């Protein structure tokens, strides 16, 4: 019976990885960018973005939602396999954007 239990656990992990290892999806980035809007600049320092990166984002687009998306995509590209749901939740929480963290948590639960 023990062996069967272990096997079930492994299958469950493959089907629904926890937030530590689950990578942020493009869909989650879109949802977050739309909700983040003008608050993207609050989040930027928690993604360790340099002032020059922030200026670059500002010069690339006038639209705040697009700026938010550019920020998230830049972070995602830089982090690669470290761009997990957990790391983005941590940054959102540290930046005081707990409502967005809750939205993302719900999104992560819905996307399997």
C-alpha atoms as a PDB file:
ATOM      1  CA  UNK A   1       0.000   0.000   0.000  1.00  0.00           C
ATOM      2  CA  UNK A   2       2.860   2.386   0.794  1.00  0.00           C
ATOM      3  CA  UNK A   3       4.246   2.109  -2.748  1.00  0.00           C
ATOM      4  CA  UNK A   4       0.861   2.971  -4.253  1.00  0.00           C
ATOM      5  CA  UNK A   5       0.608   6.086  -2.087  1.00  0.00           C
ATOM      6  CA  UNK A   6       4.054   7.295  -3.230  1.00  0.00           C
ATOM      7  CA  UNK A   7       3.105   6.772  -6.861  1.00  0.00           C
ATOM      8  CA  UNK A   8      -0.084   8.808  -6.418  1.00  0.00           C
ATOM      9  CA  UNK A   9       1.917  11.635  -4.875  1.00  0.00           C
ATOM     10  CA  UNK A  10       4.324  11.786  -7.784  1.00  0.00           C
ATOM     11  CA  UNK A  11       1.465  11.902 -10.287  1.00  0.00           C
ATOM     12  CA  UNK A  12      -0.222  14.674  -8.302  1.00  0.00           C
ATOM     13  CA  UNK A  13       2.996  16.705  -8.324  1.00  0.00           C
ATOM     14  CA  UNK A  14       3.222  16.421 -12.098  1.00  0.00           C
ATOM     15  CA  UNK A  15      -0.398  17.473 -12.559  1.00  0.00           C
ATOM     16  CA  UNK A  16      -0.393  20.356 -10.112  1.00  0.00           C
ATOM     17  CA  UNK A  17       3.080  21.610  -9.193  1.00  0.00           C
ATOM     18  CA  UNK A  18       3.129  23.877  -6.173  1.00  0.00           C
ATOM     19  CA  UNK A  19       3.676  27.593  -6.462  1.00  0.00           C
ATOM     20  CA  UNK A  20       7.405  27.308  -5.722  1.00  0.00           C
ATOM     21  CA  UNK A  21       8.115  25.543  -8.988  1.00  0.00           C
ATOM     22  CA  UNK A  22       5.173  26.677 -11.137  1.00  0.00           C
ATOM     23  CA  UNK A  23       6.417  29.137 -13.740  1.00  0.00           C
ATOM     24  CA  UNK A  24       4.449  32.291 -14.437  1.00  0.00           C
ATOM     25  CA  UNK A  25       2.474  31.901 -17.661  1.00  0.00           C
ATOM     26  CA  UNK A  26       1.886  34.464 -20.402  1.00  0.00           C
ATOM     27  CA  UNK A  27      -1.782  34.452 -19.452  1.00  0.00           C
ATOM     28  CA  UNK A  28      -0.934  35.320 -15.839  1.00  0.00           C
ATOM     29  CA  UNK A  29       1.362  38.112 -17.047  1.00  0.00           C
ATOM     30  CA  UNK A  30      -1.505  39.563 -19.126  1.00  0.00           C
ATOM     31  CA  UNK A  31      -3.959  39.401 -16.217  1.00  0.00           C
ATOM     32  CA  UNK A  32      -1.438  40.910 -13.816  1.00  0.00           C
ATOM     33  CA  UNK A  33      -0.380  43.672 -16.231  1.00  0.00           C
ATOM     34  CA  UNK A  34      -4.016  44.745 -16.650  1.00  0.00           C
ATOM     35  CA  UNK A  35      -4.554  44.846 -12.879  1.00  0.00           C
ATOM     36  CA  UNK A  36      -1.159  46.395 -12.119  1.00  0.00           C
ATOM     37  CA  UNK A  37      -1.557  49.425 -14.386  1.00  0.00           C
ATOM     38  CA  UNK A  38      -0.019  52.546 -12.845  1.00  0.00           C
ATOM     39  CA  UNK A  39       1.361  50.580  -9.898  1.00  0.00           C
ATOM     40  CA  UNK A  40       3.994  48.963 -12.126  1.00  0.00           C
ATOM     41  CA  UNK A  41       6.552  51.509 -10.872  1.00  0.00           C
ATOM     42  CA  UNK A  42       5.891  50.470  -7.274  1.00  0.00           C
ATOM     43  CA  UNK A  43       6.706  46.878  -8.210  1.00  0.00           C
ATOM     44  CA  UNK A  44       9.771  47.594 -10.376  1.00  0.00           C
ATOM     45  CA  UNK A  45      12.310  47.968  -7.506  1.00  0.00           C
ATOM     46  CA  UNK A  46      11.170  44.617  -6.062  1.00  0.00           C
ATOM     47  CA  UNK A  47      12.109  43.022  -9.382  1.00  0.00           C
ATOM     48  CA  UNK A  48      15.551  44.622  -8.969  1.00  0.00           C
ATOM     49  CA  UNK A  49      14.982  46.802 -12.022  1.00  0.00           C
ATOM     50  CA  UNK A  50      17.520  49.556 -12.531  1.00  0.00           C
ATOM     51  CA  UNK A  51      16.474  53.168 -13.016  1.00  0.00           C
ATOM     52  CA  UNK A  52      17.660  52.888 -16.637  1.00  0.00           C
ATOM     53  CA  UNK A  53      15.369  49.868 -17.178  1.00  0.00           C
ATOM     54  CA  UNK A  54      12.437  51.837 -15.782  1.00  0.00           C
ATOM     55  CA  UNK A  55      13.220  54.812 -18.051  1.00  0.00           C
ATOM     56  CA  UNK A  56      13.435  52.414 -21.002  1.00  0.00           C
ATOM     57  CA  UNK A  57       9.979  51.031 -20.249  1.00  0.00           C
ATOM     58  CA  UNK A  58       8.597  54.566 -19.951  1.00  0.00           C
ATOM     59  CA  UNK A  59      10.055  55.568 -23.301  1.00  0.00           C
ATOM     60  CA  UNK A  60       8.770  52.386 -24.990  1.00  0.00           C
ATOM     61  CA  UNK A  61       5.119  53.046 -24.208  1.00  0.00           C
ATOM     62  CA  UNK A  62       2.734  55.739 -22.986  1.00  0.00           C
ATOM     63  CA  UNK A  63       0.119  53.157 -21.932  1.00  0.00           C
ATOM     64  CA  UNK A  64       0.410  52.148 -18.260  1.00  0.00           C
ATOM     65  CA  UNK A  65      -0.916  48.642 -18.860  1.00  0.00           C
ATOM     66  CA  UNK A  66       1.654  48.139 -21.602  1.00  0.00           C
ATOM     67  CA  UNK A  67       4.371  49.461 -19.277  1.00  0.00           C
ATOM     68  CA  UNK A  68       3.234  46.975 -16.627  1.00  0.00           C
ATOM     69  CA  UNK A  69       3.432  44.180 -19.194  1.00  0.00           C
ATOM     70  CA  UNK A  70       6.889  45.296 -20.366  1.00  0.00           C
ATOM     71  CA  UNK A  71       8.067  45.231 -16.738  1.00  0.00           C
ATOM     72  CA  UNK A  72       6.672  41.744 -16.147  1.00  0.00           C
ATOM     73  CA  UNK A  73       8.056  40.401 -19.439  1.00  0.00           C
ATOM     74  CA  UNK A  74      11.512  41.908 -18.750  1.00  0.00           C
ATOM     75  CA  UNK A  75      11.514  40.275 -15.295  1.00  0.00           C
ATOM     76  CA  UNK A  76      10.251  36.988 -16.753  1.00  0.00           C
ATOM     77  CA  UNK A  77      12.946  36.951 -19.465  1.00  0.00           C
ATOM     78  CA  UNK A  78      15.713  37.777 -16.999  1.00  0.00           C
ATOM     79  CA  UNK A  79      14.623  35.213 -14.402  1.00  0.00           C
ATOM     80  CA  UNK A  80      14.019  32.344 -16.827  1.00  0.00           C
ATOM     81  CA  UNK A  81      13.336  29.188 -14.821  1.00  0.00           C
ATOM     82  CA  UNK A  82      13.363  31.271 -11.625  1.00  0.00           C
ATOM     83  CA  UNK A  83      10.285  33.206 -12.844  1.00  0.00           C
ATOM     84  CA  UNK A  84       7.965  31.275 -10.573  1.00  0.00           C
ATOM     85  CA  UNK A  85       4.546  32.202  -9.249  1.00  0.00           C
ATOM     86  CA  UNK A  86       6.057  32.182  -5.757  1.00  0.00           C
ATOM     87  CA  UNK A  87       8.761  34.733  -6.631  1.00  0.00           C
ATOM     88  CA  UNK A  88       6.265  37.115  -8.229  1.00  0.00           C
ATOM     89  CA  UNK A  89       3.913  36.703  -5.226  1.00  0.00           C
ATOM     90  CA  UNK A  90       6.802  37.531  -2.921  1.00  0.00           C
ATOM     91  CA  UNK A  91       7.619  40.706  -4.890  1.00  0.00           C
ATOM     92  CA  UNK A  92       3.948  41.771  -4.946  1.00  0.00           C
ATOM     93  CA  UNK A  93       3.612  41.213  -1.202  1.00  0.00           C
ATOM     94  CA  UNK A  94       6.861  43.054  -0.426  1.00  0.00           C
ATOM     95  CA  UNK A  95       5.658  45.963  -2.577  1.00  0.00           C
ATOM     96  CA  UNK A  96       2.424  46.088  -0.555  1.00  0.00           C
ATOM     97  CA  UNK A  97       0.325  44.943  -3.526  1.00  0.00           C
ATOM     98  CA  UNK A  98      -1.412  42.167  -1.606  1.00  0.00           C
ATOM     99  CA  UNK A  99      -4.665  42.430  -3.592  1.00  0.00           C
ATOM    100  CA  UNK A 100      -2.738  41.612  -6.759  1.00  0.00           C
ATOM    101  CA  UNK A 101      -0.970  38.765  -4.987  1.00  0.00           C
ATOM    102  CA  UNK A 102      -4.387  37.314  -4.094  1.00  0.00           C
ATOM    103  CA  UNK A 103      -5.599  37.678  -7.693  1.00  0.00           C
ATOM    104  CA  UNK A 104      -2.489  35.881  -8.960  1.00  0.00           C
ATOM    105  CA  UNK A 105      -2.886  33.121  -6.362  1.00  0.00           C
ATOM    106  CA  UNK A 106      -6.443  32.557  -7.589  1.00  0.00           C
ATOM    107  CA  UNK A 107      -5.247  32.589 -11.209  1.00  0.00           C
ATOM    108  CA  UNK A 108      -2.518  30.067 -10.369  1.00  0.00           C
ATOM    109  CA  UNK A 109      -5.086  27.780  -8.772  1.00  0.00           C
ATOM    110  CA  UNK A 110      -7.290  27.991 -11.867  1.00  0.00           C
ATOM    111  CA  UNK A 111      -4.517  27.313 -14.380  1.00  0.00           C
ATOM    112  CA  UNK A 112      -3.336  23.736 -14.154  1.00  0.00           C
END
